[in-house]
Amino acid sequence: MSQVFEGYERQYCELSANLSKKITSASLLNGEQKKQKVSEITGGFEDAEALIRKMDLEARSLPPSVKAALLAKLREYKTDLNNLKTEVKRIVSADVNQAARDDLLESGMADTLMASTDQRGRLLMSTERLNKSSDRIKESRRTMLETEELGVSILQDLHQQRQSLLHAHSNLHGVDDNIGRSKRILTNMSRRMDRNKWIIGSIIVVLVISILLILYFKLTH
């Protein structure tokens, strides 16, 4: 996996956990303090969206085998961000209903306990989100190591194939040399045979002429 993507991913996970804590804190505030906290959260959403866009661009620049897994992660992060936005909208809409907020303030200790329980639940959710993000990073590193090992194995195989081709090429040169020497030997043998044929033919002609001369002299005398 790309180290650039991993860096963006780590930043997003930290920012997401921080936003979740701020949302929990904002749900317990009122008035201007809550508005200020919501404004901070909105700015955090813009940073989170920027990180998601950067991760998307980086993922699409990688090979298809890695890109598919990273795009699946991005869909999870987008869903996570949408859930956080939904929680903020719920908090903001609660302020609009003034009567409901007054009832909440008058509910006493029971509502305080419920808010405390809800806060603890959100903190637990934030911790769980951090743990999941850490697991994703570990899984991404493991995938990167496996990809590197596969690449090394492929390079080793290609090197062995190259050596085999070079060896085969060397053997072919040796065969060509042997064929050339055999051809020269056969050519020399053919020339010698032709020369021997001419010599034998010449000897036979001389013998025939000699015999004819001998017969001629014998017959004339």
C-alpha atoms as a PDB file:
ATOM      1  CA  MET A   1       0.000   0.000   0.000  1.00  0.00           C
ATOM      2  CA  SER A   2       1.110   3.601  -0.642  1.00  0.00           C
ATOM      3  CA  GLN A   3       2.776   5.285   2.329  1.00  0.00           C
ATOM      4  CA  VAL A   4       1.104   8.531   1.238  1.00  0.00           C
ATOM      5  CA  PHE A   5      -2.329   6.904   1.516  1.00  0.00           C
ATOM      6  CA  GLU A   6      -1.407   5.421   4.867  1.00  0.00           C
ATOM      7  CA  GLY A   7      -0.416   8.874   6.166  1.00  0.00           C
ATOM      8  CA  TYR A   8      -3.718  10.404   5.028  1.00  0.00           C
ATOM      9  CA  GLU A   9      -5.572   7.467   6.565  1.00  0.00           C
ATOM     10  CA  ARG A  10      -3.872   7.926   9.933  1.00  0.00           C
ATOM     11  CA  GLN A  11      -4.696  11.654   9.923  1.00  0.00           C
ATOM     12  CA  TYR A  12      -8.335  10.943   9.081  1.00  0.00           C
ATOM     13  CA  CYS A  13      -8.734   8.334  11.835  1.00  0.00           C
ATOM     14  CA  GLU A  14      -7.316  10.721  14.427  1.00  0.00           C
ATOM     15  CA  LEU A  15      -9.496  13.572  13.138  1.00  0.00           C
ATOM     16  CA  SER A  16     -12.613  11.344  13.149  1.00  0.00           C
ATOM     17  CA  ALA A  17     -12.029  10.295  16.756  1.00  0.00           C
ATOM     18  CA  ASN A  18     -11.452  13.923  17.736  1.00  0.00           C
ATOM     19  CA  LEU A  19     -14.661  15.020  15.990  1.00  0.00           C
ATOM     20  CA  SER A  20     -16.618  12.302  17.769  1.00  0.00           C
ATOM     21  CA  LYS A  21     -15.380  13.575  21.132  1.00  0.00           C
ATOM     22  CA  LYS A  22     -16.257  17.154  20.196  1.00  0.00           C
ATOM     23  CA  ILE A  23     -19.753  16.079  19.173  1.00  0.00           C
ATOM     24  CA  THR A  24     -20.186  14.385  22.536  1.00  0.00           C
ATOM     25  CA  SER A  25     -18.991  17.542  24.258  1.00  0.00           C
ATOM     26  CA  ALA A  26     -21.257  19.759  22.129  1.00  0.00           C
ATOM     27  CA  SER A  27     -24.311  17.719  23.075  1.00  0.00           C
ATOM     28  CA  LEU A  28     -23.777  18.779  26.713  1.00  0.00           C
ATOM     29  CA  LEU A  29     -23.343  22.501  25.981  1.00  0.00           C
ATOM     30  CA  ASN A  30     -25.872  25.299  25.493  1.00  0.00           C
ATOM     31  CA  GLY A  31     -26.106  28.681  23.805  1.00  0.00           C
ATOM     32  CA  GLU A  32     -23.036  30.308  22.322  1.00  0.00           C
ATOM     33  CA  GLN A  33     -20.706  27.632  23.658  1.00  0.00           C
ATOM     34  CA  LYS A  34     -22.564  24.994  21.683  1.00  0.00           C
ATOM     35  CA  LYS A  35     -22.588  27.172  18.540  1.00  0.00           C
ATOM     36  CA  GLN A  36     -18.825  27.696  18.826  1.00  0.00           C
ATOM     37  CA  LYS A  37     -18.272  23.970  19.301  1.00  0.00           C
ATOM     38  CA  VAL A  38     -20.490  23.154  16.301  1.00  0.00           C
ATOM     39  CA  SER A  39     -18.507  25.679  14.230  1.00  0.00           C
ATOM     40  CA  GLU A  40     -15.279  23.894  15.188  1.00  0.00           C
ATOM     41  CA  ILE A  41     -16.836  20.574  14.277  1.00  0.00           C
ATOM     42  CA  THR A  42     -17.937  21.941  10.889  1.00  0.00           C
ATOM     43  CA  GLY A  43     -14.360  23.070  10.197  1.00  0.00           C
ATOM     44  CA  GLY A  44     -13.200  19.584  11.130  1.00  0.00           C
ATOM     45  CA  PHE A  45     -15.675  18.131   8.626  1.00  0.00           C
ATOM     46  CA  GLU A  46     -14.054  20.219   5.880  1.00  0.00           C
ATOM     47  CA  ASP A  47     -10.614  18.907   6.850  1.00  0.00           C
ATOM     48  CA  ALA A  48     -11.946  15.342   6.899  1.00  0.00           C
ATOM     49  CA  GLU A  49     -13.498  15.752   3.444  1.00  0.00           C
ATOM     50  CA  ALA A  50     -10.190  17.144   2.136  1.00  0.00           C
ATOM     51  CA  LEU A  51      -8.344  14.088   3.498  1.00  0.00           C
ATOM     52  CA  ILE A  52     -10.896  11.759   1.904  1.00  0.00           C
ATOM     53  CA  ARG A  53     -10.412  13.497  -1.459  1.00  0.00           C
ATOM     54  CA  LYS A  54      -6.635  13.134  -1.129  1.00  0.00           C
ATOM     55  CA  MET A  55      -6.976   9.443  -0.260  1.00  0.00           C
ATOM     56  CA  ASP A  56      -9.301   8.981  -3.241  1.00  0.00           C
ATOM     57  CA  LEU A  57      -6.813  10.583  -5.652  1.00  0.00           C
ATOM     58  CA  GLU A  58      -3.928   8.541  -4.217  1.00  0.00           C
ATOM     59  CA  ALA A  59      -5.897   5.273  -4.337  1.00  0.00           C
ATOM     60  CA  ARG A  60      -6.897   5.803  -7.981  1.00  0.00           C
ATOM     61  CA  SER A  61      -3.242   6.310  -8.949  1.00  0.00           C
ATOM     62  CA  LEU A  62      -2.270   2.856  -7.630  1.00  0.00           C
ATOM     63  CA  PRO A  63      -2.406  -0.539  -9.428  1.00  0.00           C
ATOM     64  CA  PRO A  64      -5.904  -2.128  -9.740  1.00  0.00           C
ATOM     65  CA  SER A  65      -5.071  -4.959  -7.289  1.00  0.00           C
ATOM     66  CA  VAL A  66      -4.414  -2.428  -4.503  1.00  0.00           C
ATOM     67  CA  LYS A  67      -6.864   0.264  -5.633  1.00  0.00           C
ATOM     68  CA  ALA A  68      -9.984  -1.881  -5.109  1.00  0.00           C
ATOM     69  CA  ALA A  69      -9.240  -2.521  -1.418  1.00  0.00           C
ATOM     70  CA  LEU A  70      -8.425   1.144  -0.751  1.00  0.00           C
ATOM     71  CA  LEU A  71     -11.593   2.386  -2.441  1.00  0.00           C
ATOM     72  CA  ALA A  72     -13.602   0.008  -0.242  1.00  0.00           C
ATOM     73  CA  LYS A  73     -11.966   1.607   2.799  1.00  0.00           C
ATOM     74  CA  LEU A  74     -12.829   5.053   1.472  1.00  0.00           C
ATOM     75  CA  ARG A  75     -16.500   4.083   1.275  1.00  0.00           C
ATOM     76  CA  GLU A  76     -16.360   3.122   4.958  1.00  0.00           C
ATOM     77  CA  TYR A  77     -14.731   6.434   5.868  1.00  0.00           C
ATOM     78  CA  LYS A  78     -17.350   8.377   3.886  1.00  0.00           C
ATOM     79  CA  THR A  79     -20.114   6.513   5.709  1.00  0.00           C
ATOM     80  CA  ASP A  80     -18.412   7.254   9.022  1.00  0.00           C
ATOM     81  CA  LEU A  81     -18.198  10.959   8.180  1.00  0.00           C
ATOM     82  CA  ASN A  82     -21.866  11.051   7.131  1.00  0.00           C
ATOM     83  CA  ASN A  83     -22.833   9.482  10.454  1.00  0.00           C
ATOM     84  CA  LEU A  84     -20.930  12.194  12.314  1.00  0.00           C
ATOM     85  CA  LYS A  85     -22.670  14.873  10.259  1.00  0.00           C
ATOM     86  CA  THR A  86     -26.026  13.284  11.088  1.00  0.00           C
ATOM     87  CA  GLU A  87     -25.208  13.459  14.791  1.00  0.00           C
ATOM     88  CA  VAL A  88     -24.351  17.163  14.502  1.00  0.00           C
ATOM     89  CA  LYS A  89     -27.597  17.834  12.647  1.00  0.00           C
ATOM     90  CA  ARG A  90     -29.483  16.087  15.419  1.00  0.00           C
ATOM     91  CA  ILE A  91     -27.770  18.270  18.042  1.00  0.00           C
ATOM     92  CA  VAL A  92     -28.470  21.467  16.096  1.00  0.00           C
ATOM     93  CA  SER A  93     -32.110  20.519  15.452  1.00  0.00           C
ATOM     94  CA  ALA A  94     -32.542  19.868  19.170  1.00  0.00           C
ATOM     95  CA  ASP A  95     -31.658  23.525  19.853  1.00  0.00           C
ATOM     96  CA  VAL A  96     -34.344  24.670  17.436  1.00  0.00           C
ATOM     97  CA  ASN A  97     -36.995  23.039  19.598  1.00  0.00           C
ATOM     98  CA  GLN A  98     -36.786  25.360  22.616  1.00  0.00           C
ATOM     99  CA  ALA A  99     -39.562  23.625  24.519  1.00  0.00           C
ATOM    100  CA  ALA A 100     -37.856  20.257  24.236  1.00  0.00           C
ATOM    101  CA  ARG A 101     -34.632  21.784  25.521  1.00  0.00           C
ATOM    102  CA  ASP A 102     -36.448  23.311  28.522  1.00  0.00           C
ATOM    103  CA  ASP A 103     -37.975  19.954  29.339  1.00  0.00           C
ATOM    104  CA  LEU A 104     -34.522  18.446  29.169  1.00  0.00           C
ATOM    105  CA  LEU A 105     -33.154  21.052  31.634  1.00  0.00           C
ATOM    106  CA  GLU A 106     -36.037  20.408  34.033  1.00  0.00           C
ATOM    107  CA  SER A 107     -35.806  16.638  33.962  1.00  0.00           C
ATOM    108  CA  GLY A 108     -33.343  16.670  36.896  1.00  0.00           C
ATOM    109  CA  MET A 109     -30.986  13.963  37.913  1.00  0.00           C
ATOM    110  CA  ALA A 110     -32.574  11.302  35.748  1.00  0.00           C
ATOM    111  CA  ASP A 111     -31.743  13.183  32.551  1.00  0.00           C
ATOM    112  CA  THR A 112     -28.281  14.004  33.892  1.00  0.00           C
ATOM    113  CA  LEU A 113     -27.646  10.308  34.417  1.00  0.00           C
ATOM    114  CA  MET A 114     -28.955   9.571  30.948  1.00  0.00           C
ATOM    115  CA  ALA A 115     -26.666  12.243  29.465  1.00  0.00           C
ATOM    116  CA  SER A 116     -23.749  10.801  31.395  1.00  0.00           C
ATOM    117  CA  THR A 117     -24.585   7.343  30.100  1.00  0.00           C
ATOM    118  CA  ASP A 118     -24.863   8.700  26.554  1.00  0.00           C
ATOM    119  CA  GLN A 119     -21.505  10.439  26.949  1.00  0.00           C
ATOM    120  CA  ARG A 120     -19.883   7.251  28.156  1.00  0.00           C
ATOM    121  CA  GLY A 121     -21.414   5.446  25.198  1.00  0.00           C
ATOM    122  CA  ARG A 122     -19.975   8.003  22.785  1.00  0.00           C
ATOM    123  CA  LEU A 123     -16.572   7.759  24.409  1.00  0.00           C
ATOM    124  CA  LEU A 124     -16.731   3.994  24.059  1.00  0.00           C
ATOM    125  CA  MET A 125     -17.697   4.414  20.405  1.00  0.00           C
ATOM    126  CA  SER A 126     -14.737   6.750  19.893  1.00  0.00           C
ATOM    127  CA  THR A 127     -12.380   4.248  21.508  1.00  0.00           C
ATOM    128  CA  GLU A 128     -13.796   1.457  19.374  1.00  0.00           C
ATOM    129  CA  ARG A 129     -13.379   3.604  16.247  1.00  0.00           C
ATOM    130  CA  LEU A 130      -9.724   4.215  17.129  1.00  0.00           C
ATOM    131  CA  ASN A 131      -9.179   0.493  17.670  1.00  0.00           C
ATOM    132  CA  LYS A 132     -10.768  -0.307  14.317  1.00  0.00           C
ATOM    133  CA  SER A 133      -8.630   2.331  12.618  1.00  0.00           C
ATOM    134  CA  SER A 134      -5.513   0.843  14.201  1.00  0.00           C
ATOM    135  CA  ASP A 135      -6.551  -2.604  12.974  1.00  0.00           C
ATOM    136  CA  ARG A 136      -7.055  -1.212   9.470  1.00  0.00           C
ATOM    137  CA  ILE A 137      -3.588   0.320   9.482  1.00  0.00           C
ATOM    138  CA  LYS A 138      -2.055  -2.975  10.648  1.00  0.00           C
ATOM    139  CA  GLU A 139      -3.950  -4.848   7.947  1.00  0.00           C
ATOM    140  CA  SER A 140      -2.783  -2.336   5.337  1.00  0.00           C
ATOM    141  CA  ARG A 141       0.844  -2.797   6.430  1.00  0.00           C
ATOM    142  CA  ARG A 142       0.462  -6.571   6.264  1.00  0.00           C
ATOM    143  CA  THR A 143      -0.984  -6.292   2.753  1.00  0.00           C
ATOM    144  CA  MET A 144       1.917  -4.024   1.724  1.00  0.00           C
ATOM    145  CA  LEU A 145       4.476  -6.543   3.052  1.00  0.00           C
ATOM    146  CA  GLU A 146       2.751  -9.400   1.215  1.00  0.00           C
ATOM    147  CA  THR A 147       2.766  -7.347  -1.984  1.00  0.00           C
ATOM    148  CA  GLU A 148       6.490  -6.617  -1.584  1.00  0.00           C
ATOM    149  CA  GLU A 149       7.231 -10.320  -1.011  1.00  0.00           C
ATOM    150  CA  LEU A 150       5.237 -11.217  -4.115  1.00  0.00           C
ATOM    151  CA  GLY A 151       7.165  -8.641  -6.139  1.00  0.00           C
ATOM    152  CA  VAL A 152      10.511 -10.022  -4.946  1.00  0.00           C
ATOM    153  CA  SER A 153       9.408 -13.552  -5.839  1.00  0.00           C
ATOM    154  CA  ILE A 154       8.370 -12.455  -9.335  1.00  0.00           C
ATOM    155  CA  LEU A 155      11.720 -10.693  -9.864  1.00  0.00           C
ATOM    156  CA  GLN A 156      13.576 -13.838  -8.778  1.00  0.00           C
ATOM    157  CA  ASP A 157      11.539 -15.959 -11.209  1.00  0.00           C
ATOM    158  CA  LEU A 158      12.245 -13.510 -14.038  1.00  0.00           C
ATOM    159  CA  HIS A 159      15.967 -13.605 -13.218  1.00  0.00           C
ATOM    160  CA  GLN A 160      15.977 -17.412 -13.337  1.00  0.00           C
ATOM    161  CA  GLN A 161      14.130 -17.384 -16.663  1.00  0.00           C
ATOM    162  CA  ARG A 162      16.646 -14.888 -18.041  1.00  0.00           C
ATOM    163  CA  GLN A 163      19.535 -17.132 -16.979  1.00  0.00           C
ATOM    164  CA  SER A 164      17.837 -20.118 -18.619  1.00  0.00           C
ATOM    165  CA  LEU A 165      17.395 -18.174 -21.874  1.00  0.00           C
ATOM    166  CA  LEU A 166      21.044 -17.071 -21.828  1.00  0.00           C
ATOM    167  CA  HIS A 167      22.154 -20.669 -21.246  1.00  0.00           C
ATOM    168  CA  ALA A 168      19.941 -21.902 -24.106  1.00  0.00           C
ATOM    169  CA  HIS A 169      21.325 -19.147 -26.362  1.00  0.00           C
ATOM    170  CA  SER A 170      24.884 -20.241 -25.502  1.00  0.00           C
ATOM    171  CA  ASN A 171      24.019 -23.873 -26.297  1.00  0.00           C
ATOM    172  CA  LEU A 172      22.585 -22.843 -29.665  1.00  0.00           C
ATOM    173  CA  HIS A 173      25.835 -21.047 -30.499  1.00  0.00           C
ATOM    174  CA  GLY A 174      27.738 -24.246 -29.634  1.00  0.00           C
ATOM    175  CA  VAL A 175      25.462 -26.300 -31.885  1.00  0.00           C
ATOM    176  CA  ASP A 176      25.930 -23.807 -34.710  1.00  0.00           C
ATOM    177  CA  ASP A 177      29.729 -24.080 -34.346  1.00  0.00           C
ATOM    178  CA  ASN A 178      29.570 -27.902 -34.423  1.00  0.00           C
ATOM    179  CA  ILE A 179      27.359 -27.838 -37.516  1.00  0.00           C
ATOM    180  CA  GLY A 180      29.793 -25.438 -39.209  1.00  0.00           C
ATOM    181  CA  ARG A 181      32.771 -27.700 -38.456  1.00  0.00           C
ATOM    182  CA  SER A 182      30.877 -30.780 -39.678  1.00  0.00           C
ATOM    183  CA  LYS A 183      29.959 -28.974 -42.877  1.00  0.00           C
ATOM    184  CA  ARG A 184      33.587 -28.031 -43.517  1.00  0.00           C
ATOM    185  CA  ILE A 185      34.716 -31.631 -42.870  1.00  0.00           C
ATOM    186  CA  LEU A 186      32.090 -32.999 -45.274  1.00  0.00           C
ATOM    187  CA  THR A 187      33.102 -30.442 -47.896  1.00  0.00           C
ATOM    188  CA  ASN A 188      36.769 -31.426 -47.596  1.00  0.00           C
ATOM    189  CA  MET A 189      35.857 -35.125 -47.812  1.00  0.00           C
ATOM    190  CA  SER A 190      33.771 -34.467 -50.913  1.00  0.00           C
ATOM    191  CA  ARG A 191      36.675 -32.601 -52.533  1.00  0.00           C
ATOM    192  CA  ARG A 192      39.093 -35.412 -51.689  1.00  0.00           C
ATOM    193  CA  MET A 193      36.713 -37.988 -53.153  1.00  0.00           C
ATOM    194  CA  ASP A 194      36.406 -35.972 -56.339  1.00  0.00           C
ATOM    195  CA  ARG A 195      40.168 -35.624 -56.532  1.00  0.00           C
ATOM    196  CA  ASN A 196      40.629 -39.352 -55.941  1.00  0.00           C
ATOM    197  CA  LYS A 197      38.116 -40.093 -58.666  1.00  0.00           C
ATOM    198  CA  TRP A 198      40.089 -37.966 -61.138  1.00  0.00           C
ATOM    199  CA  ILE A 199      43.346 -39.644 -60.130  1.00  0.00           C
ATOM    200  CA  ILE A 200      41.873 -43.146 -60.464  1.00  0.00           C
ATOM    201  CA  GLY A 201      40.281 -42.182 -63.790  1.00  0.00           C
ATOM    202  CA  SER A 202      43.585 -40.827 -65.031  1.00  0.00           C
ATOM    203  CA  ILE A 203      45.400 -44.013 -63.969  1.00  0.00           C
ATOM    204  CA  ILE A 204      42.829 -46.163 -65.742  1.00  0.00           C
ATOM    205  CA  VAL A 205      43.157 -44.065 -68.916  1.00  0.00           C
ATOM    206  CA  VAL A 206      46.938 -44.369 -68.800  1.00  0.00           C
ATOM    207  CA  LEU A 207      46.695 -48.131 -68.268  1.00  0.00           C
ATOM    208  CA  VAL A 208      44.243 -48.527 -71.141  1.00  0.00           C
ATOM    209  CA  ILE A 209      46.482 -46.485 -73.428  1.00  0.00           C
ATOM    210  CA  SER A 210      49.531 -48.492 -72.352  1.00  0.00           C
ATOM    211  CA  ILE A 211      47.735 -51.779 -73.011  1.00  0.00           C
ATOM    212  CA  LEU A 212      46.602 -50.563 -76.435  1.00  0.00           C
ATOM    213  CA  LEU A 213      50.145 -49.493 -77.295  1.00  0.00           C
ATOM    214  CA  ILE A 214      51.537 -52.833 -76.191  1.00  0.00           C
ATOM    215  CA  LEU A 215      48.950 -54.716 -78.267  1.00  0.00           C
ATOM    216  CA  TYR A 216      49.630 -52.474 -81.243  1.00  0.00           C
ATOM    217  CA  PHE A 217      53.380 -53.106 -81.145  1.00  0.00           C
ATOM    218  CA  LYS A 218      52.868 -56.825 -80.742  1.00  0.00           C
ATOM    219  CA  LEU A 219      50.449 -57.043 -83.610  1.00  0.00           C
ATOM    220  CA  THR A 220      52.553 -54.889 -85.964  1.00  0.00           C
ATOM    221  CA  HIS A 221      55.732 -56.850 -85.302  1.00  0.00           C
END
